[in-house]
Amino acid sequence: MQATQGGSPWLTIATEKLERVLGPERAPAIIDEILRELGLDTLESPEQLALFGQRLARRGGFLSPLGASLQIQASMHQTRARI
């Protein structure tokens, strides 16, 4: 699993946020770990982005608010899709 491959807009959102906080060297490893934990190769929906954010938030520290922000962003996309 490669965090920066696949062309998924949902994975791109997660990757960009994590790279801003963790840097481009560390972010891919964290992303790959979480994708592996979730049994996913990429993020294909806002629901999967929310699950990713939830798993990231569980890691605690400064990753907690970052995970929460991904969950909020996913929720906003889900809400827009229903309107």
PDB file of N, CA and C in Angstrom:
ATOM      1  N   MET A   1       0.845  -1.189   0.000  1.00  0.00           N
ATOM      2  CA  MET A   1       0.000   0.000   0.000  1.00  0.00           C
ATOM      3  C   MET A   1       0.883   1.242   0.000  1.00  0.00           C
ATOM      4  N   GLN A   2       0.570   2.128  -0.870  1.00  0.00           N
ATOM      5  CA  GLN A   2       1.330   3.363  -0.968  1.00  0.00           C
ATOM      6  C   GLN A   2       0.398   4.536  -0.738  1.00  0.00           C
ATOM      7  N   ALA A   3       0.732   5.359   0.228  1.00  0.00           N
ATOM      8  CA  ALA A   3      -0.138   6.464   0.611  1.00  0.00           C
ATOM      9  C   ALA A   3      -0.327   7.480  -0.503  1.00  0.00           C
ATOM     10  N   THR A   4       0.650   7.636  -1.351  1.00  0.00           N
ATOM     11  CA  THR A   4       0.563   8.693  -2.353  1.00  0.00           C
ATOM     12  C   THR A   4       0.151   8.187  -3.722  1.00  0.00           C
ATOM     13  N   GLN A   5      -0.196   6.912  -3.830  1.00  0.00           N
ATOM     14  CA  GLN A   5      -0.608   6.379  -5.122  1.00  0.00           C
ATOM     15  C   GLN A   5      -2.092   6.070  -5.111  1.00  0.00           C
ATOM     16  N   GLY A   6      -2.666   5.942  -6.282  1.00  0.00           N
ATOM     17  CA  GLY A   6      -4.031   5.474  -6.388  1.00  0.00           C
ATOM     18  C   GLY A   6      -5.001   6.484  -6.942  1.00  0.00           C
ATOM     19  N   GLY A   7      -4.706   7.768  -6.862  1.00  0.00           N
ATOM     20  CA  GLY A   7      -5.573   8.763  -7.431  1.00  0.00           C
ATOM     21  C   GLY A   7      -6.884   8.993  -6.702  1.00  0.00           C
ATOM     22  N   SER A   8      -7.050   8.436  -5.521  1.00  0.00           N
ATOM     23  CA  SER A   8      -8.276   8.619  -4.757  1.00  0.00           C
ATOM     24  C   SER A   8      -8.336  10.024  -4.162  1.00  0.00           C
ATOM     25  N   PRO A   9      -9.423  10.756  -4.407  1.00  0.00           N
ATOM     26  CA  PRO A   9      -9.523  12.091  -3.806  1.00  0.00           C
ATOM     27  C   PRO A   9      -9.573  12.027  -2.278  1.00  0.00           C
ATOM     28  N   TRP A  10     -10.138  10.956  -1.742  1.00  0.00           N
ATOM     29  CA  TRP A  10     -10.239  10.823  -0.281  1.00  0.00           C
ATOM     30  C   TRP A  10      -8.870  10.549   0.324  1.00  0.00           C
ATOM     31  N   LEU A  11      -8.071   9.741  -0.351  1.00  0.00           N
ATOM     32  CA  LEU A  11      -6.715   9.479   0.116  1.00  0.00           C
ATOM     33  C   LEU A  11      -5.859  10.731  -0.026  1.00  0.00           C
ATOM     34  N   THR A  12      -6.089  11.496  -1.084  1.00  0.00           N
ATOM     35  CA  THR A  12      -5.354  12.746  -1.279  1.00  0.00           C
ATOM     36  C   THR A  12      -5.625  13.715  -0.137  1.00  0.00           C
ATOM     37  N   ILE A  13      -6.870  13.821   0.291  1.00  0.00           N
ATOM     38  CA  ILE A  13      -7.222  14.694   1.419  1.00  0.00           C
ATOM     39  C   ILE A  13      -6.440  14.286   2.658  1.00  0.00           C
ATOM     40  N   ALA A  14      -6.461  12.994   2.981  1.00  0.00           N
ATOM     41  CA  ALA A  14      -5.760  12.501   4.166  1.00  0.00           C
ATOM     42  C   ALA A  14      -4.253  12.719   4.043  1.00  0.00           C
ATOM     43  N   THR A  15      -3.711  12.416   2.876  1.00  0.00           N
ATOM     44  CA  THR A  15      -2.269  12.547   2.663  1.00  0.00           C
ATOM     45  C   THR A  15      -1.816  13.988   2.821  1.00  0.00           C
ATOM     46  N   GLU A  16      -2.539  14.923   2.211  1.00  0.00           N
ATOM     47  CA  GLU A  16      -2.148  16.334   2.297  1.00  0.00           C
ATOM     48  C   GLU A  16      -2.173  16.830   3.732  1.00  0.00           C
ATOM     49  N   LYS A  17      -3.208  16.463   4.488  1.00  0.00           N
ATOM     50  CA  LYS A  17      -3.294  16.909   5.879  1.00  0.00           C
ATOM     51  C   LYS A  17      -2.164  16.323   6.719  1.00  0.00           C
ATOM     52  N   LEU A  18      -1.907  15.032   6.557  1.00  0.00           N
ATOM     53  CA  LEU A  18      -0.851  14.406   7.345  1.00  0.00           C
ATOM     54  C   LEU A  18       0.529  14.922   6.963  1.00  0.00           C
ATOM     55  N   GLU A  19       0.751  15.167   5.681  1.00  0.00           N
ATOM     56  CA  GLU A  19       2.051  15.698   5.260  1.00  0.00           C
ATOM     57  C   GLU A  19       2.296  17.087   5.831  1.00  0.00           C
ATOM     58  N   ARG A  20       1.232  17.894   5.944  1.00  0.00           N
ATOM     59  CA  ARG A  20       1.389  19.228   6.530  1.00  0.00           C
ATOM     60  C   ARG A  20       1.816  19.145   7.990  1.00  0.00           C
ATOM     61  N   VAL A  21       1.289  18.172   8.711  1.00  0.00           N
ATOM     62  CA  VAL A  21       1.571  18.055  10.144  1.00  0.00           C
ATOM     63  C   VAL A  21       2.834  17.230  10.408  1.00  0.00           C
ATOM     64  N   LEU A  22       2.949  16.089   9.748  1.00  0.00           N
ATOM     65  CA  LEU A  22       4.037  15.151  10.029  1.00  0.00           C
ATOM     66  C   LEU A  22       5.239  15.303   9.109  1.00  0.00           C
ATOM     67  N   GLY A  23       5.013  15.934   7.963  1.00  0.00           N
ATOM     68  CA  GLY A  23       6.058  16.024   6.961  1.00  0.00           C
ATOM     69  C   GLY A  23       5.932  14.892   5.958  1.00  0.00           C
ATOM     70  N   PRO A  24       6.461  15.102   4.763  1.00  0.00           N
ATOM     71  CA  PRO A  24       6.325  14.109   3.698  1.00  0.00           C
ATOM     72  C   PRO A  24       7.120  12.826   3.947  1.00  0.00           C
ATOM     73  N   GLU A  25       8.060  12.850   4.880  1.00  0.00           N
ATOM     74  CA  GLU A  25       8.835  11.651   5.177  1.00  0.00           C
ATOM     75  C   GLU A  25       8.059  10.696   6.073  1.00  0.00           C
ATOM     76  N   ARG A  26       7.354  11.227   7.057  1.00  0.00           N
ATOM     77  CA  ARG A  26       6.696  10.401   8.071  1.00  0.00           C
ATOM     78  C   ARG A  26       5.252  10.051   7.737  1.00  0.00           C
ATOM     79  N   ALA A  27       4.568  10.920   7.040  1.00  0.00           N
ATOM     80  CA  ALA A  27       3.137  10.732   6.759  1.00  0.00           C
ATOM     81  C   ALA A  27       2.819   9.427   6.033  1.00  0.00           C
ATOM     82  N   PRO A  28       3.547   9.061   4.975  1.00  0.00           N
ATOM     83  CA  PRO A  28       3.181   7.829   4.259  1.00  0.00           C
ATOM     84  C   PRO A  28       3.187   6.578   5.139  1.00  0.00           C
ATOM     85  N   ALA A  29       4.114   6.495   6.076  1.00  0.00           N
ATOM     86  CA  ALA A  29       4.174   5.317   6.948  1.00  0.00           C
ATOM     87  C   ALA A  29       2.937   5.230   7.834  1.00  0.00           C
ATOM     88  N   ILE A  30       2.509   6.364   8.388  1.00  0.00           N
ATOM     89  CA  ILE A  30       1.313   6.386   9.239  1.00  0.00           C
ATOM     90  C   ILE A  30       0.082   6.035   8.406  1.00  0.00           C
ATOM     91  N   ILE A  31      -0.015   6.609   7.226  1.00  0.00           N
ATOM     92  CA  ILE A  31      -1.157   6.334   6.348  1.00  0.00           C
ATOM     93  C   ILE A  31      -1.210   4.850   5.998  1.00  0.00           C
ATOM     94  N   ASP A  32      -0.069   4.297   5.609  1.00  0.00           N
ATOM     95  CA  ASP A  32      -0.036   2.875   5.258  1.00  0.00           C
ATOM     96  C   ASP A  32      -0.418   1.993   6.443  1.00  0.00           C
ATOM     97  N   GLU A  33       0.049   2.345   7.650  1.00  0.00           N
ATOM     98  CA  GLU A  33      -0.301   1.573   8.850  1.00  0.00           C
ATOM     99  C   GLU A  33      -1.808   1.563   9.072  1.00  0.00           C
ATOM    100  N   ILE A  34      -2.420   2.733   8.971  1.00  0.00           N
ATOM    101  CA  ILE A  34      -3.858   2.824   9.226  1.00  0.00           C
ATOM    102  C   ILE A  34      -4.649   2.116   8.131  1.00  0.00           C
ATOM    103  N   LEU A  35      -4.252   2.285   6.881  1.00  0.00           N
ATOM    104  CA  LEU A  35      -4.933   1.567   5.800  1.00  0.00           C
ATOM    105  C   LEU A  35      -4.849   0.059   6.027  1.00  0.00           C
ATOM    106  N   ARG A  36      -3.687  -0.411   6.447  1.00  0.00           N
ATOM    107  CA  ARG A  36      -3.508  -1.839   6.720  1.00  0.00           C
ATOM    108  C   ARG A  36      -4.419  -2.285   7.864  1.00  0.00           C
ATOM    109  N   GLU A  37      -4.484  -1.477   8.941  1.00  0.00           N
ATOM    110  CA  GLU A  37      -5.368  -1.785  10.074  1.00  0.00           C
ATOM    111  C   GLU A  37      -6.822  -1.892   9.626  1.00  0.00           C
ATOM    112  N   LEU A  38      -7.216  -1.032   8.692  1.00  0.00           N
ATOM    113  CA  LEU A  38      -8.593  -1.021   8.194  1.00  0.00           C
ATOM    114  C   LEU A  38      -8.830  -2.065   7.099  1.00  0.00           C
ATOM    115  N   GLY A  39      -7.767  -2.700   6.630  1.00  0.00           N
ATOM    116  CA  GLY A  39      -7.898  -3.687   5.562  1.00  0.00           C
ATOM    117  C   GLY A  39      -8.199  -3.061   4.213  1.00  0.00           C
ATOM    118  N   LEU A  40      -7.705  -1.839   4.005  1.00  0.00           N
ATOM    119  CA  LEU A  40      -7.974  -1.100   2.769  1.00  0.00           C
ATOM    120  C   LEU A  40      -6.681  -0.836   2.006  1.00  0.00           C
ATOM    121  N   ASP A  41      -6.814  -0.689   0.695  1.00  0.00           N
ATOM    122  CA  ASP A  41      -5.687  -0.283  -0.143  1.00  0.00           C
ATOM    123  C   ASP A  41      -5.692   1.217  -0.384  1.00  0.00           C
ATOM    124  N   THR A  42      -6.872   1.805  -0.324  1.00  0.00           N
ATOM    125  CA  THR A  42      -7.037   3.235  -0.545  1.00  0.00           C
ATOM    126  C   THR A  42      -8.314   3.663   0.173  1.00  0.00           C
ATOM    127  N   LEU A  43      -8.643   4.932   0.071  1.00  0.00           N
ATOM    128  CA  LEU A  43      -9.896   5.446   0.640  1.00  0.00           C
ATOM    129  C   LEU A  43     -10.809   5.779  -0.528  1.00  0.00           C
ATOM    130  N   GLU A  44     -11.937   5.107  -0.602  1.00  0.00           N
ATOM    131  CA  GLU A  44     -12.812   5.234  -1.768  1.00  0.00           C
ATOM    132  C   GLU A  44     -14.107   5.984  -1.506  1.00  0.00           C
ATOM    133  N   SER A  45     -14.291   6.477  -0.292  1.00  0.00           N
ATOM    134  CA  SER A  45     -15.555   7.148   0.021  1.00  0.00           C
ATOM    135  C   SER A  45     -15.371   8.041   1.240  1.00  0.00           C
ATOM    136  N   PRO A  46     -16.317   8.962   1.454  1.00  0.00           N
ATOM    137  CA  PRO A  46     -16.245   9.765   2.671  1.00  0.00           C
ATOM    138  C   PRO A  46     -16.386   8.902   3.925  1.00  0.00           C
ATOM    139  N   GLU A  47     -17.126   7.810   3.818  1.00  0.00           N
ATOM    140  CA  GLU A  47     -17.273   6.908   4.966  1.00  0.00           C
ATOM    141  C   GLU A  47     -15.925   6.298   5.349  1.00  0.00           C
ATOM    142  N   GLN A  48     -15.154   5.923   4.345  1.00  0.00           N
ATOM    143  CA  GLN A  48     -13.830   5.367   4.623  1.00  0.00           C
ATOM    144  C   GLN A  48     -12.884   6.437   5.149  1.00  0.00           C
ATOM    145  N   LEU A  49     -13.014   7.665   4.662  1.00  0.00           N
ATOM    146  CA  LEU A  49     -12.214   8.766   5.196  1.00  0.00           C
ATOM    147  C   LEU A  49     -12.551   8.983   6.667  1.00  0.00           C
ATOM    148  N   ALA A  50     -13.827   8.895   7.016  1.00  0.00           N
ATOM    149  CA  ALA A  50     -14.238   9.048   8.415  1.00  0.00           C
ATOM    150  C   ALA A  50     -13.648   7.939   9.280  1.00  0.00           C
ATOM    151  N   LEU A  51     -13.666   6.711   8.796  1.00  0.00           N
ATOM    152  CA  LEU A  51     -13.057   5.598   9.537  1.00  0.00           C
ATOM    153  C   LEU A  51     -11.555   5.806   9.711  1.00  0.00           C
ATOM    154  N   PHE A  52     -10.919   6.289   8.662  1.00  0.00           N
ATOM    155  CA  PHE A  52      -9.492   6.593   8.722  1.00  0.00           C
ATOM    156  C   PHE A  52      -9.231   7.660   9.792  1.00  0.00           C
ATOM    157  N   GLY A  53     -10.043   8.722   9.774  1.00  0.00           N
ATOM    158  CA  GLY A  53      -9.894   9.788  10.762  1.00  0.00           C
ATOM    159  C   GLY A  53     -10.107   9.287  12.178  1.00  0.00           C
ATOM    160  N   GLN A  54     -11.083   8.423  12.350  1.00  0.00           N
ATOM    161  CA  GLN A  54     -11.357   7.849  13.668  1.00  0.00           C
ATOM    162  C   GLN A  54     -10.157   7.043  14.163  1.00  0.00           C
ATOM    163  N   ARG A  55      -9.604   6.233  13.291  1.00  0.00           N
ATOM    164  CA  ARG A  55      -8.445   5.409  13.669  1.00  0.00           C
ATOM    165  C   ARG A  55      -7.234   6.293  13.970  1.00  0.00           C
ATOM    166  N   LEU A  56      -7.054   7.357  13.189  1.00  0.00           N
ATOM    167  CA  LEU A  56      -5.954   8.286  13.421  1.00  0.00           C
ATOM    168  C   LEU A  56      -6.124   8.987  14.766  1.00  0.00           C
ATOM    169  N   ALA A  57      -7.339   9.416  15.071  1.00  0.00           N
ATOM    170  CA  ALA A  57      -7.609  10.120  16.327  1.00  0.00           C
ATOM    171  C   ALA A  57      -7.306   9.242  17.538  1.00  0.00           C
ATOM    172  N   ARG A  58      -7.516   7.950  17.422  1.00  0.00           N
ATOM    173  CA  ARG A  58      -7.240   7.024  18.531  1.00  0.00           C
ATOM    174  C   ARG A  58      -5.767   6.957  18.898  1.00  0.00           C
ATOM    175  N   ARG A  59      -4.917   7.399  18.011  1.00  0.00           N
ATOM    176  CA  ARG A  59      -3.479   7.362  18.290  1.00  0.00           C
ATOM    177  C   ARG A  59      -3.071   8.431  19.295  1.00  0.00           C
ATOM    178  N   GLY A  60      -3.953   9.389  19.529  1.00  0.00           N
ATOM    179  CA  GLY A  60      -3.721  10.387  20.565  1.00  0.00           C
ATOM    180  C   GLY A  60      -2.744  11.474  20.155  1.00  0.00           C
ATOM    181  N   GLY A  61      -2.403  12.295  21.132  1.00  0.00           N
ATOM    182  CA  GLY A  61      -1.486  13.404  20.898  1.00  0.00           C
ATOM    183  C   GLY A  61      -2.011  14.351  19.840  1.00  0.00           C
ATOM    184  N   PHE A  62      -1.106  14.905  19.067  1.00  0.00           N
ATOM    185  CA  PHE A  62      -1.507  15.861  18.031  1.00  0.00           C
ATOM    186  C   PHE A  62      -2.203  15.183  16.859  1.00  0.00           C
ATOM    187  N   LEU A  63      -2.174  13.845  16.807  1.00  0.00           N
ATOM    188  CA  LEU A  63      -2.901  13.139  15.751  1.00  0.00           C
ATOM    189  C   LEU A  63      -4.403  13.111  16.028  1.00  0.00           C
ATOM    190  N   SER A  64      -4.770  13.278  17.292  1.00  0.00           N
ATOM    191  CA  SER A  64      -6.186  13.238  17.667  1.00  0.00           C
ATOM    192  C   SER A  64      -7.004  14.346  16.989  1.00  0.00           C
ATOM    193  N   PRO A  65      -6.603  15.610  17.107  1.00  0.00           N
ATOM    194  CA  PRO A  65      -7.389  16.644  16.410  1.00  0.00           C
ATOM    195  C   PRO A  65      -7.295  16.539  14.889  1.00  0.00           C
ATOM    196  N   LEU A  66      -6.196  16.031  14.383  1.00  0.00           N
ATOM    197  CA  LEU A  66      -6.066  15.840  12.939  1.00  0.00           C
ATOM    198  C   LEU A  66      -7.062  14.788  12.457  1.00  0.00           C
ATOM    199  N   GLY A  67      -7.169  13.703  13.203  1.00  0.00           N
ATOM    200  CA  GLY A  67      -8.151  12.670  12.874  1.00  0.00           C
ATOM    201  C   GLY A  67      -9.569  13.200  12.957  1.00  0.00           C
ATOM    202  N   ALA A  68      -9.823  14.010  13.992  1.00  0.00           N
ATOM    203  CA  ALA A  68     -11.157  14.601  14.146  1.00  0.00           C
ATOM    204  C   ALA A  68     -11.483  15.515  12.965  1.00  0.00           C
ATOM    205  N   SER A  69     -10.498  16.266  12.482  1.00  0.00           N
ATOM    206  CA  SER A  69     -10.757  17.162  11.345  1.00  0.00           C
ATOM    207  C   SER A  69     -11.073  16.361  10.081  1.00  0.00           C
ATOM    208  N   LEU A  70     -10.439  15.205   9.913  1.00  0.00           N
ATOM    209  CA  LEU A  70     -10.766  14.353   8.762  1.00  0.00           C
ATOM    210  C   LEU A  70     -12.181  13.800   8.887  1.00  0.00           C
ATOM    211  N   GLN A  71     -12.587  13.460  10.101  1.00  0.00           N
ATOM    212  CA  GLN A  71     -13.949  12.972  10.317  1.00  0.00           C
ATOM    213  C   GLN A  71     -14.968  14.059   9.990  1.00  0.00           C
ATOM    214  N   ILE A  72     -14.688  15.275  10.399  1.00  0.00           N
ATOM    215  CA  ILE A  72     -15.588  16.397  10.119  1.00  0.00           C
ATOM    216  C   ILE A  72     -15.673  16.644   8.616  1.00  0.00           C
ATOM    217  N   GLN A  73     -14.525  16.629   7.951  1.00  0.00           N
ATOM    218  CA  GLN A  73     -14.521  16.847   6.503  1.00  0.00           C
ATOM    219  C   GLN A  73     -15.329  15.760   5.792  1.00  0.00           C
ATOM    220  N   ALA A  74     -15.168  14.523   6.218  1.00  0.00           N
ATOM    221  CA  ALA A  74     -15.938  13.418   5.626  1.00  0.00           C
ATOM    222  C   ALA A  74     -17.424  13.619   5.865  1.00  0.00           C
ATOM    223  N   SER A  75     -17.781  14.044   7.062  1.00  0.00           N
ATOM    224  CA  SER A  75     -19.186  14.275   7.405  1.00  0.00           C
ATOM    225  C   SER A  75     -19.788  15.382   6.543  1.00  0.00           C
ATOM    226  N   MET A  76     -19.009  16.431   6.293  1.00  0.00           N
ATOM    227  CA  MET A  76     -19.494  17.523   5.447  1.00  0.00           C
ATOM    228  C   MET A  76     -19.766  17.027   4.028  1.00  0.00           C
ATOM    229  N   HIS A  77     -18.892  16.174   3.510  1.00  0.00           N
ATOM    230  CA  HIS A  77     -19.101  15.614   2.168  1.00  0.00           C
ATOM    231  C   HIS A  77     -20.331  14.720   2.138  1.00  0.00           C
ATOM    232  N   GLN A  78     -20.534  13.943   3.197  1.00  0.00           N
ATOM    233  CA  GLN A  78     -21.707  13.070   3.271  1.00  0.00           C
ATOM    234  C   GLN A  78     -22.984  13.899   3.302  1.00  0.00           C
ATOM    235  N   THR A  79     -22.967  14.982   4.061  1.00  0.00           N
ATOM    236  CA  THR A  79     -24.137  15.854   4.171  1.00  0.00           C
ATOM    237  C   THR A  79     -24.449  16.505   2.831  1.00  0.00           C
ATOM    238  N   ARG A  80     -23.419  17.006   2.145  1.00  0.00           N
ATOM    239  CA  ARG A  80     -23.622  17.629   0.834  1.00  0.00           C
ATOM    240  C   ARG A  80     -24.198  16.645  -0.169  1.00  0.00           C
ATOM    241  N   ALA A  81     -23.768  15.404  -0.091  1.00  0.00           N
ATOM    242  CA  ALA A  81     -24.246  14.387  -1.031  1.00  0.00           C
ATOM    243  C   ALA A  81     -25.729  14.097  -0.830  1.00  0.00           C
ATOM    244  N   ARG A  82     -26.221  14.299   0.388  1.00  0.00           N
ATOM    245  CA  ARG A  82     -27.637  14.036   0.683  1.00  0.00           C
ATOM    246  C   ARG A  82     -28.540  15.182   0.263  1.00  0.00           C
ATOM    247  N   ILE A  83     -27.971  16.360   0.094  1.00  0.00           N
ATOM    248  CA  ILE A  83     -28.782  17.545  -0.222  1.00  0.00           C
ATOM    249  C   ILE A  83     -29.144  17.569  -1.687  1.00  0.00           C
TER     250      ILE A  83
END
